[in-house]
PDB file of N, CA and C in Angstrom:
ATOM      1  N   MET A   1     119.051  89.129  69.760  1.00  0.00           N
ATOM      2  CA  MET A   1     119.504  89.523  71.082  1.00  0.00           C
ATOM      3  C   MET A   1     118.954  88.536  72.098  1.00  0.00           C
ATOM      4  N   ASP A   2     119.821  87.946  72.891  1.00  0.00           N
ATOM      5  CA  ASP A   2     119.335  86.981  73.877  1.00  0.00           C
ATOM      6  C   ASP A   2     119.476  87.471  75.304  1.00  0.00           C
ATOM      7  N   GLY A   3     119.715  88.707  75.513  1.00  0.00           N
ATOM      8  CA  GLY A   3     119.848  89.247  76.862  1.00  0.00           C
ATOM      9  C   GLY A   3     119.493  90.716  76.880  1.00  0.00           C
ATOM     10  N   PHE A   4     119.744  91.315  77.976  1.00  0.00           N
ATOM     11  CA  PHE A   4     119.500  92.743  78.099  1.00  0.00           C
ATOM     12  C   PHE A   4     120.455  93.318  79.116  1.00  0.00           C
ATOM     13  N   GLU A   5     120.688  94.596  79.009  1.00  0.00           N
ATOM     14  CA  GLU A   5     121.571  95.291  79.935  1.00  0.00           C
ATOM     15  C   GLU A   5     120.758  95.823  81.117  1.00  0.00           C
ATOM     16  N   VAL A   6     121.301  95.672  82.279  1.00  0.00           N
ATOM     17  CA  VAL A   6     120.667  96.204  83.476  1.00  0.00           C
ATOM     18  C   VAL A   6     121.652  97.153  84.139  1.00  0.00           C
ATOM     19  N   SER A   7     121.220  98.379  84.327  1.00  0.00           N
ATOM     20  CA  SER A   7     122.064  99.341  85.028  1.00  0.00           C
ATOM     21  C   SER A   7     121.863  99.122  86.525  1.00  0.00           C
ATOM     22  N   THR A   8     122.761  98.342  87.115  1.00  0.00           N
ATOM     23  CA  THR A   8     122.620  98.047  88.542  1.00  0.00           C
ATOM     24  C   THR A   8     122.757  99.308  89.387  1.00  0.00           C
ATOM     25  N   ASP A   9     123.510 100.293  88.882  1.00  0.00           N
ATOM     26  CA  ASP A   9     123.615 101.559  89.618  1.00  0.00           C
ATOM     27  C   ASP A   9     122.249 102.226  89.738  1.00  0.00           C
ATOM     28  N   LEU A  10     121.486 102.202  88.653  1.00  0.00           N
ATOM     29  CA  LEU A  10     120.156 102.817  88.680  1.00  0.00           C
ATOM     30  C   LEU A  10     119.191 102.027  89.555  1.00  0.00           C
ATOM     31  N   VAL A  11     119.268 100.710  89.478  1.00  0.00           N
ATOM     32  CA  VAL A  11     118.391  99.877  90.307  1.00  0.00           C
ATOM     33  C   VAL A  11     118.730 100.082  91.787  1.00  0.00           C
ATOM     34  N   THR A  12     120.016 100.134  92.086  1.00  0.00           N
ATOM     35  CA  THR A  12     120.449 100.360  93.466  1.00  0.00           C
ATOM     36  C   THR A  12     120.010 101.747  93.952  1.00  0.00           C
ATOM     37  N   ALA A  13     120.179 102.749  93.106  1.00  0.00           N
ATOM     38  CA  ALA A  13     119.767 104.111  93.473  1.00  0.00           C
ATOM     39  C   ALA A  13     118.259 104.181  93.707  1.00  0.00           C
ATOM     40  N   ALA A  14     117.492 103.497  92.882  1.00  0.00           N
ATOM     41  CA  ALA A  14     116.035 103.471  93.059  1.00  0.00           C
ATOM     42  C   ALA A  14     115.675 102.792  94.378  1.00  0.00           C
ATOM     43  N   GLY A  15     116.375 101.725  94.713  1.00  0.00           N
ATOM     44  CA  GLY A  15     116.133 101.038  95.981  1.00  0.00           C
ATOM     45  C   GLY A  15     116.441 101.933  97.171  1.00  0.00           C
ATOM     46  N   ARG A  16     117.533 102.673  97.075  1.00  0.00           N
ATOM     47  CA  ARG A  16     117.890 103.588  98.172  1.00  0.00           C
ATOM     48  C   ARG A  16     116.864 104.716  98.309  1.00  0.00           C
ATOM     49  N   ALA A  17     116.445 105.264  97.165  1.00  0.00           N
ATOM     50  CA  ALA A  17     115.447 106.341  97.200  1.00  0.00           C
ATOM     51  C   ALA A  17     114.139 105.837  97.803  1.00  0.00           C
ATOM     52  N   ALA A  18     113.744 104.645  97.419  1.00  0.00           N
ATOM     53  CA  ALA A  18     112.523 104.065  97.983  1.00  0.00           C
ATOM     54  C   ALA A  18     112.682 103.836  99.482  1.00  0.00           C
ATOM     55  N   GLY A  19     113.855 103.422  99.908  1.00  0.00           N
ATOM     56  CA  GLY A  19     114.119 103.229 101.335  1.00  0.00           C
ATOM     57  C   GLY A  19     113.987 104.528 102.120  1.00  0.00           C
ATOM     58  N   ARG A  20     114.496 105.617 101.540  1.00  0.00           N
ATOM     59  CA  ARG A  20     114.371 106.921 102.206  1.00  0.00           C
ATOM     60  C   ARG A  20     112.903 107.353 102.275  1.00  0.00           C
ATOM     61  N   ALA A  21     112.187 107.145 101.187  1.00  0.00           N
ATOM     62  CA  ALA A  21     110.763 107.503 101.173  1.00  0.00           C
ATOM     63  C   ALA A  21     109.992 106.673 102.193  1.00  0.00           C
ATOM     64  N   ALA A  22     110.322 105.398 102.288  1.00  0.00           N
ATOM     65  CA  ALA A  22     109.646 104.527 103.258  1.00  0.00           C
ATOM     66  C   ALA A  22     109.888 105.012 104.675  1.00  0.00           C
ATOM     67  N   GLY A  23     111.127 105.358 104.977  1.00  0.00           N
ATOM     68  CA  GLY A  23     111.451 105.854 106.308  1.00  0.00           C
ATOM     69  C   GLY A  23     110.694 107.126 106.639  1.00  0.00           C
ATOM     70  N   ALA A  24     110.563 108.004 105.647  1.00  0.00           N
ATOM     71  CA  ALA A  24     109.833 109.249 105.868  1.00  0.00           C
ATOM     72  C   ALA A  24     108.356 108.981 106.109  1.00  0.00           C
ATOM     73  N   LEU A  25     107.779 108.070 105.350  1.00  0.00           N
ATOM     74  CA  LEU A  25     106.357 107.766 105.509  1.00  0.00           C
ATOM     75  C   LEU A  25     106.061 107.108 106.853  1.00  0.00           C
ATOM     76  N   VAL A  26     106.869 106.140 107.224  1.00  0.00           N
ATOM     77  CA  VAL A  26     106.636 105.420 108.481  1.00  0.00           C
ATOM     78  C   VAL A  26     106.793 106.355 109.669  1.00  0.00           C
ATOM     79  N   GLY A  27     107.735 107.275 109.586  1.00  0.00           N
ATOM     80  CA  GLY A  27     108.005 108.165 110.708  1.00  0.00           C
ATOM     81  C   GLY A  27     107.214 109.467 110.685  1.00  0.00           C
ATOM     82  N   LEU A  28     106.349 109.624 109.701  1.00  0.00           N
ATOM     83  CA  LEU A  28     105.605 110.875 109.574  1.00  0.00           C
ATOM     84  C   LEU A  28     104.543 110.982 110.659  1.00  0.00           C
ATOM     85  N   ASP A  29     104.611 112.054 111.417  1.00  0.00           N
ATOM     86  CA  ASP A  29     103.640 112.292 112.489  1.00  0.00           C
ATOM     87  C   ASP A  29     102.802 113.498 112.098  1.00  0.00           C
ATOM     88  N   VAL A  30     101.555 113.253 111.764  1.00  0.00           N
ATOM     89  CA  VAL A  30     100.663 114.326 111.330  1.00  0.00           C
ATOM     90  C   VAL A  30      99.711 114.773 112.436  1.00  0.00           C
ATOM     91  N   SER A  31      99.872 114.240 113.626  1.00  0.00           N
ATOM     92  CA  SER A  31      98.903 114.507 114.686  1.00  0.00           C
ATOM     93  C   SER A  31      98.851 115.982 115.091  1.00  0.00           C
ATOM     94  N   ASP A  32      99.992 116.637 115.260  1.00  0.00           N
ATOM     95  CA  ASP A  32      99.974 118.047 115.682  1.00  0.00           C
ATOM     96  C   ASP A  32      99.300 118.954 114.648  1.00  0.00           C
ATOM     97  N   PRO A  33      99.689 118.876 113.374  1.00  0.00           N
ATOM     98  CA  PRO A  33      99.013 119.744 112.399  1.00  0.00           C
ATOM     99  C   PRO A  33      97.509 119.451 112.303  1.00  0.00           C
ATOM    100  N   LEU A  34      97.136 118.183 112.416  1.00  0.00           N
ATOM    101  CA  LEU A  34      95.713 117.852 112.339  1.00  0.00           C
ATOM    102  C   LEU A  34      94.948 118.391 113.539  1.00  0.00           C
ATOM    103  N   ARG A  35      95.552 118.342 114.715  1.00  0.00           N
ATOM    104  CA  ARG A  35      94.904 118.911 115.900  1.00  0.00           C
ATOM    105  C   ARG A  35      94.737 120.419 115.747  1.00  0.00           C
ATOM    106  N   GLU A  36      95.733 121.072 115.165  1.00  0.00           N
ATOM    107  CA  GLU A  36      95.654 122.514 114.948  1.00  0.00           C
ATOM    108  C   GLU A  36      94.517 122.860 113.990  1.00  0.00           C
ATOM    109  N   ILE A  37      94.348 122.053 112.954  1.00  0.00           N
ATOM    110  CA  ILE A  37      93.245 122.276 112.009  1.00  0.00           C
ATOM    111  C   ILE A  37      91.909 122.130 112.740  1.00  0.00           C
ATOM    112  N   ALA A  38      91.782 121.060 113.493  1.00  0.00           N
ATOM    113  CA  ALA A  38      90.528 120.817 114.213  1.00  0.00           C
ATOM    114  C   ALA A  38      90.225 121.958 115.186  1.00  0.00           C
ATOM    115  N   ALA A  39      91.251 122.476 115.858  1.00  0.00           N
ATOM    116  CA  ALA A  39      91.052 123.563 116.822  1.00  0.00           C
ATOM    117  C   ALA A  39      90.712 124.875 116.121  1.00  0.00           C
ATOM    118  N   ALA A  40      91.315 125.107 114.975  1.00  0.00           N
ATOM    119  CA  ALA A  40      91.105 126.361 114.257  1.00  0.00           C
ATOM    120  C   ALA A  40      89.751 126.414 113.550  1.00  0.00           C
ATOM    121  N   LEU A  41      89.241 125.255 113.178  1.00  0.00           N
ATOM    122  CA  LEU A  41      88.001 125.212 112.404  1.00  0.00           C
ATOM    123  C   LEU A  41      86.979 124.270 113.047  1.00  0.00           C
ATOM    124  N   PRO A  42      86.607 124.516 114.287  1.00  0.00           N
ATOM    125  CA  PRO A  42      85.681 123.593 114.962  1.00  0.00           C
ATOM    126  C   PRO A  42      84.350 123.484 114.212  1.00  0.00           C
ATOM    127  N   GLY A  43      83.860 122.260 114.133  1.00  0.00           N
ATOM    128  CA  GLY A  43      82.576 122.015 113.482  1.00  0.00           C
ATOM    129  C   GLY A  43      82.640 121.947 111.963  1.00  0.00           C
ATOM    130  N   SER A  44      83.797 122.192 111.384  1.00  0.00           N
ATOM    131  CA  SER A  44      83.918 122.176 109.922  1.00  0.00           C
ATOM    132  C   SER A  44      84.217 120.766 109.404  1.00  0.00           C
ATOM    133  N   ARG A  45      84.069 120.606 108.096  1.00  0.00           N
ATOM    134  CA  ARG A  45      84.446 119.322 107.478  1.00  0.00           C
ATOM    135  C   ARG A  45      85.945 119.070 107.640  1.00  0.00           C
ATOM    136  N   SER A  46      86.723 120.142 107.603  1.00  0.00           N
ATOM    137  CA  SER A  46      88.173 120.002 107.799  1.00  0.00           C
ATOM    138  C   SER A  46      88.476 119.471 109.192  1.00  0.00           C
ATOM    139  N   ALA A  47      87.753 119.981 110.191  1.00  0.00           N
ATOM    140  CA  ALA A  47      87.955 119.502 111.560  1.00  0.00           C
ATOM    141  C   ALA A  47      87.575 118.032 111.668  1.00  0.00           C
ATOM    142  N   ALA A  48      86.484 117.647 111.012  1.00  0.00           N
ATOM    143  CA  ALA A  48      86.061 116.243 111.047  1.00  0.00           C
ATOM    144  C   ALA A  48      87.103 115.353 110.382  1.00  0.00           C
ATOM    145  N   ALA A  49      87.631 115.805 109.257  1.00  0.00           N
ATOM    146  CA  ALA A  49      88.670 115.026 108.568  1.00  0.00           C
ATOM    147  C   ALA A  49      89.929 114.949 109.414  1.00  0.00           C
ATOM    148  N   ALA A  50      90.270 116.032 110.088  1.00  0.00           N
ATOM    149  CA  ALA A  50      91.459 116.060 110.938  1.00  0.00           C
ATOM    150  C   ALA A  50      91.313 115.109 112.111  1.00  0.00           C
ATOM    151  N   GLY A  51      90.079 114.840 112.508  1.00  0.00           N
ATOM    152  CA  GLY A  51      89.841 113.907 113.611  1.00  0.00           C
ATOM    153  C   GLY A  51      90.149 112.470 113.277  1.00  0.00           C
ATOM    154  N   SER A  52      90.437 112.196 112.012  1.00  0.00           N
ATOM    155  CA  SER A  52      90.757 110.824 111.609  1.00  0.00           C
ATOM    156  C   SER A  52      92.255 110.566 111.660  1.00  0.00           C
ATOM    157  N   ASP A  53      92.953 111.283 112.517  1.00  0.00           N
ATOM    158  CA  ASP A  53      94.412 111.155 112.656  1.00  0.00           C
ATOM    159  C   ASP A  53      94.892 109.715 112.767  1.00  0.00           C
ATOM    160  N   PRO A  54      94.304 108.863 113.622  1.00  0.00           N
ATOM    161  CA  PRO A  54      94.806 107.483 113.696  1.00  0.00           C
ATOM    162  C   PRO A  54      94.671 106.748 112.365  1.00  0.00           C
ATOM    163  N   VAL A  55      93.620 107.017 111.639  1.00  0.00           N
ATOM    164  CA  VAL A  55      93.433 106.368 110.337  1.00  0.00           C
ATOM    165  C   VAL A  55      94.509 106.828 109.364  1.00  0.00           C
ATOM    166  N   ILE A  56      94.757 108.130 109.358  1.00  0.00           N
ATOM    167  CA  ILE A  56      95.774 108.686 108.457  1.00  0.00           C
ATOM    168  C   ILE A  56      97.156 108.150 108.824  1.00  0.00           C
ATOM    169  N   SER A  57      97.486 108.151 110.098  1.00  0.00           N
ATOM    170  CA  SER A  57      98.799 107.664 110.533  1.00  0.00           C
ATOM    171  C   SER A  57      98.976 106.188 110.192  1.00  0.00           C
ATOM    172  N   THR A  58      97.930 105.406 110.381  1.00  0.00           N
ATOM    173  CA  THR A  58      97.988 103.977 110.053  1.00  0.00           C
ATOM    174  C   THR A  58      98.181 103.776 108.559  1.00  0.00           C
ATOM    175  N   ALA A  59      97.461 104.556 107.760  1.00  0.00           N
ATOM    176  CA  ALA A  59      97.588 104.445 106.307  1.00  0.00           C
ATOM    177  C   ALA A  59      98.986 104.841 105.840  1.00  0.00           C
ATOM    178  N   LEU A  60      99.540 105.902 106.409  1.00  0.00           N
ATOM    179  CA  LEU A  60     100.895 106.318 106.037  1.00  0.00           C
ATOM    180  C   LEU A  60     101.925 105.257 106.420  1.00  0.00           C
ATOM    181  N   ALA A  61     101.766 104.673 107.599  1.00  0.00           N
ATOM    182  CA  ALA A  61     102.689 103.618 108.032  1.00  0.00           C
ATOM    183  C   ALA A  61     102.588 102.399 107.115  1.00  0.00           C
ATOM    184  N   ALA A  62     101.364 102.033 106.727  1.00  0.00           N
ATOM    185  CA  ALA A  62     101.171 100.884 105.831  1.00  0.00           C
ATOM    186  C   ALA A  62     101.793 101.161 104.461  1.00  0.00           C
ATOM    187  N   LEU A  63     101.602 102.369 103.970  1.00  0.00           N
ATOM    188  CA  LEU A  63     102.217 102.734 102.697  1.00  0.00           C
ATOM    189  C   LEU A  63     103.735 102.699 102.814  1.00  0.00           C
ATOM    190  N   GLY A  64     104.246 103.194 103.920  1.00  0.00           N
ATOM    191  CA  GLY A  64     105.689 103.153 104.143  1.00  0.00           C
ATOM    192  C   GLY A  64     106.233 101.737 104.124  1.00  0.00           C
ATOM    193  N   GLU A  65     105.502 100.805 104.709  1.00  0.00           N
ATOM    194  CA  GLU A  65     105.940  99.407 104.707  1.00  0.00           C
ATOM    195  C   GLU A  65     105.907  98.824 103.296  1.00  0.00           C
ATOM    196  N   ARG A  66     104.903  99.193 102.511  1.00  0.00           N
ATOM    197  CA  ARG A  66     104.843  98.719 101.122  1.00  0.00           C
ATOM    198  C   ARG A  66     106.019  99.262 100.327  1.00  0.00           C
ATOM    199  N   VAL A  67     106.339 100.535 100.536  1.00  0.00           N
ATOM    200  CA  VAL A  67     107.479 101.139  99.845  1.00  0.00           C
ATOM    201  C   VAL A  67     108.770 100.490 100.322  1.00  0.00           C
ATOM    202  N   ARG A  68     108.865 100.157 101.607  1.00  0.00           N
ATOM    203  CA  ARG A  68     110.058  99.475 102.134  1.00  0.00           C
ATOM    204  C   ARG A  68     110.242  98.108 101.450  1.00  0.00           C
ATOM    205  N   ARG A  69     109.151  97.382 101.263  1.00  0.00           N
ATOM    206  CA  ARG A  69     109.255  96.086 100.563  1.00  0.00           C
ATOM    207  C   ARG A  69     109.743  96.280  99.128  1.00  0.00           C
ATOM    208  N   GLN A  70     109.275  97.342  98.472  1.00  0.00           N
ATOM    209  CA  GLN A  70     109.736  97.634  97.114  1.00  0.00           C
ATOM    210  C   GLN A  70     111.224  97.968  97.133  1.00  0.00           C
ATOM    211  N   SER A  71     111.653  98.738  98.106  1.00  0.00           N
ATOM    212  CA  SER A  71     113.061  99.070  98.262  1.00  0.00           C
ATOM    213  C   SER A  71     113.898  97.806  98.426  1.00  0.00           C
ATOM    214  N   ASP A  72     113.427  96.920  99.299  1.00  0.00           N
ATOM    215  CA  ASP A  72     114.150  95.659  99.524  1.00  0.00           C
ATOM    216  C   ASP A  72     114.225  94.835  98.248  1.00  0.00           C
ATOM    217  N   ALA A  73     113.129  94.811  97.483  1.00  0.00           N
ATOM    218  CA  ALA A  73     113.105  94.036  96.233  1.00  0.00           C
ATOM    219  C   ALA A  73     114.069  94.620  95.203  1.00  0.00           C
ATOM    220  N   LEU A  74     114.121  95.936  95.105  1.00  0.00           N
ATOM    221  CA  LEU A  74     115.052  96.570  94.170  1.00  0.00           C
ATOM    222  C   LEU A  74     116.496  96.288  94.565  1.00  0.00           C
ATOM    223  N   THR A  75     116.785  96.393  95.840  1.00  0.00           N
ATOM    224  CA  THR A  75     118.140  96.136  96.329  1.00  0.00           C
ATOM    225  C   THR A  75     118.538  94.681  96.076  1.00  0.00           C
ATOM    226  N   ALA A  76     117.633  93.756  96.340  1.00  0.00           N
ATOM    227  CA  ALA A  76     117.906  92.333  96.104  1.00  0.00           C
ATOM    228  C   ALA A  76     118.100  92.058  94.618  1.00  0.00           C
ATOM    229  N   SER A  77     117.322  92.721  93.786  1.00  0.00           N
ATOM    230  CA  SER A  77     117.449  92.538  92.343  1.00  0.00           C
ATOM    231  C   SER A  77     118.818  93.011  91.857  1.00  0.00           C
ATOM    232  N   ALA A  78     119.226  94.178  92.296  1.00  0.00           N
ATOM    233  CA  ALA A  78     120.541  94.686  91.901  1.00  0.00           C
ATOM    234  C   ALA A  78     121.640  93.739  92.365  1.00  0.00           C
ATOM    235  N   ARG A  79     121.525  93.248  93.601  1.00  0.00           N
ATOM    236  CA  ARG A  79     122.525  92.324  94.135  1.00  0.00           C
ATOM    237  C   ARG A  79     122.562  91.037  93.304  1.00  0.00           C
ATOM    238  N   ALA A  80     121.401  90.526  92.914  1.00  0.00           N
ATOM    239  CA  ALA A  80     121.349  89.292  92.110  1.00  0.00           C
ATOM    240  C   ALA A  80     122.035  89.493  90.762  1.00  0.00           C
ATOM    241  N   TYR A  81     121.800  90.639  90.128  1.00  0.00           N
ATOM    242  CA  TYR A  81     122.460  90.913  88.856  1.00  0.00           C
ATOM    243  C   TYR A  81     123.966  91.012  89.033  1.00  0.00           C
ATOM    244  N   LEU A  82     124.401  91.709  90.075  1.00  0.00           N
ATOM    245  CA  LEU A  82     125.836  91.837  90.320  1.00  0.00           C
ATOM    246  C   LEU A  82     126.483  90.492  90.635  1.00  0.00           C
ATOM    247  N   ASP A  83     125.819  89.680  91.448  1.00  0.00           N
ATOM    248  CA  ASP A  83     126.350  88.355  91.782  1.00  0.00           C
ATOM    249  C   ASP A  83     126.443  87.467  90.548  1.00  0.00           C
ATOM    250  N   ALA A  84     125.420  87.507  89.719  1.00  0.00           N
ATOM    251  CA  ALA A  84     125.432  86.702  88.500  1.00  0.00           C
ATOM    252  C   ALA A  84     126.537  87.145  87.561  1.00  0.00           C
ATOM    253  N   GLU A  85     126.691  88.452  87.440  1.00  0.00           N
ATOM    254  CA  GLU A  85     127.750  88.979  86.588  1.00  0.00           C
ATOM    255  C   GLU A  85     129.125  88.561  87.097  1.00  0.00           C
ATOM    256  N   ALA A  86     129.334  88.640  88.407  1.00  0.00           N
ATOM    257  CA  ALA A  86     130.608  88.257  88.996  1.00  0.00           C
ATOM    258  C   ALA A  86     130.898  86.774  88.799  1.00  0.00           C
ATOM    259  N   ALA A  87     129.835  85.963  88.793  1.00  0.00           N
ATOM    260  CA  ALA A  87     130.008  84.524  88.626  1.00  0.00           C
ATOM    261  C   ALA A  87     130.065  84.129  87.153  1.00  0.00           C
ATOM    262  N   GLY A  88     129.851  85.098  86.249  1.00  0.00           N
ATOM    263  CA  GLY A  88     129.887  84.801  84.822  1.00  0.00           C
ATOM    264  C   GLY A  88     128.650  84.054  84.364  1.00  0.00           C
ATOM    265  N   VAL A  89     127.576  84.157  85.113  1.00  0.00           N
ATOM    266  CA  VAL A  89     126.325  83.484  84.775  1.00  0.00           C
ATOM    267  C   VAL A  89     125.374  84.501  84.156  1.00  0.00           C
ATOM    268  N   PRO A  90     124.764  84.147  83.038  1.00  0.00           N
ATOM    269  CA  PRO A  90     123.780  85.086  82.492  1.00  0.00           C
ATOM    270  C   PRO A  90     122.640  85.277  83.476  1.00  0.00           C
ATOM    271  N   ALA A  91     122.297  86.510  83.741  1.00  0.00           N
ATOM    272  CA  ALA A  91     121.224  86.807  84.686  1.00  0.00           C
ATOM    273  C   ALA A  91     119.918  86.982  83.957  1.00  0.00           C
ATOM    274  N   GLY A  92     118.906  86.317  84.454  1.00  0.00           N
ATOM    275  CA  GLY A  92     117.549  86.531  83.937  1.00  0.00           C
ATOM    276  C   GLY A  92     116.882  87.558  84.797  1.00  0.00           C
ATOM    277  N   PRO A  93     115.615  87.749  84.548  1.00  0.00           N
ATOM    278  CA  PRO A  93     114.884  88.709  85.386  1.00  0.00           C
ATOM    279  C   PRO A  93     114.949  88.312  86.859  1.00  0.00           C
ATOM    280  N   ALA A  94     115.298  89.274  87.701  1.00  0.00           N
ATOM    281  CA  ALA A  94     115.383  89.001  89.131  1.00  0.00           C
ATOM    282  C   ALA A  94     114.203  89.577  89.845  1.00  0.00           C
TER     283      ALA A  94
END
């Protein structure tokens, strides 16, 4: 066997799913629930953890960007396989 089959539909679907997850992560606002925790449990470890809202929001946004890059890579890979197939060129790993 000198090649392999790539289900571009699955790769494309994975890219779209990752794109949706990235959008959700980047747009996730946890500030209100964290403030409620801090107000409900003053002086507790939970309140202290809730006070790290900017850190949590920054981490979620960074994760969202990493997932977005993965989404873009999956989409580009599927496109490369489809383009190669259309051109009649054997596609290697994209």
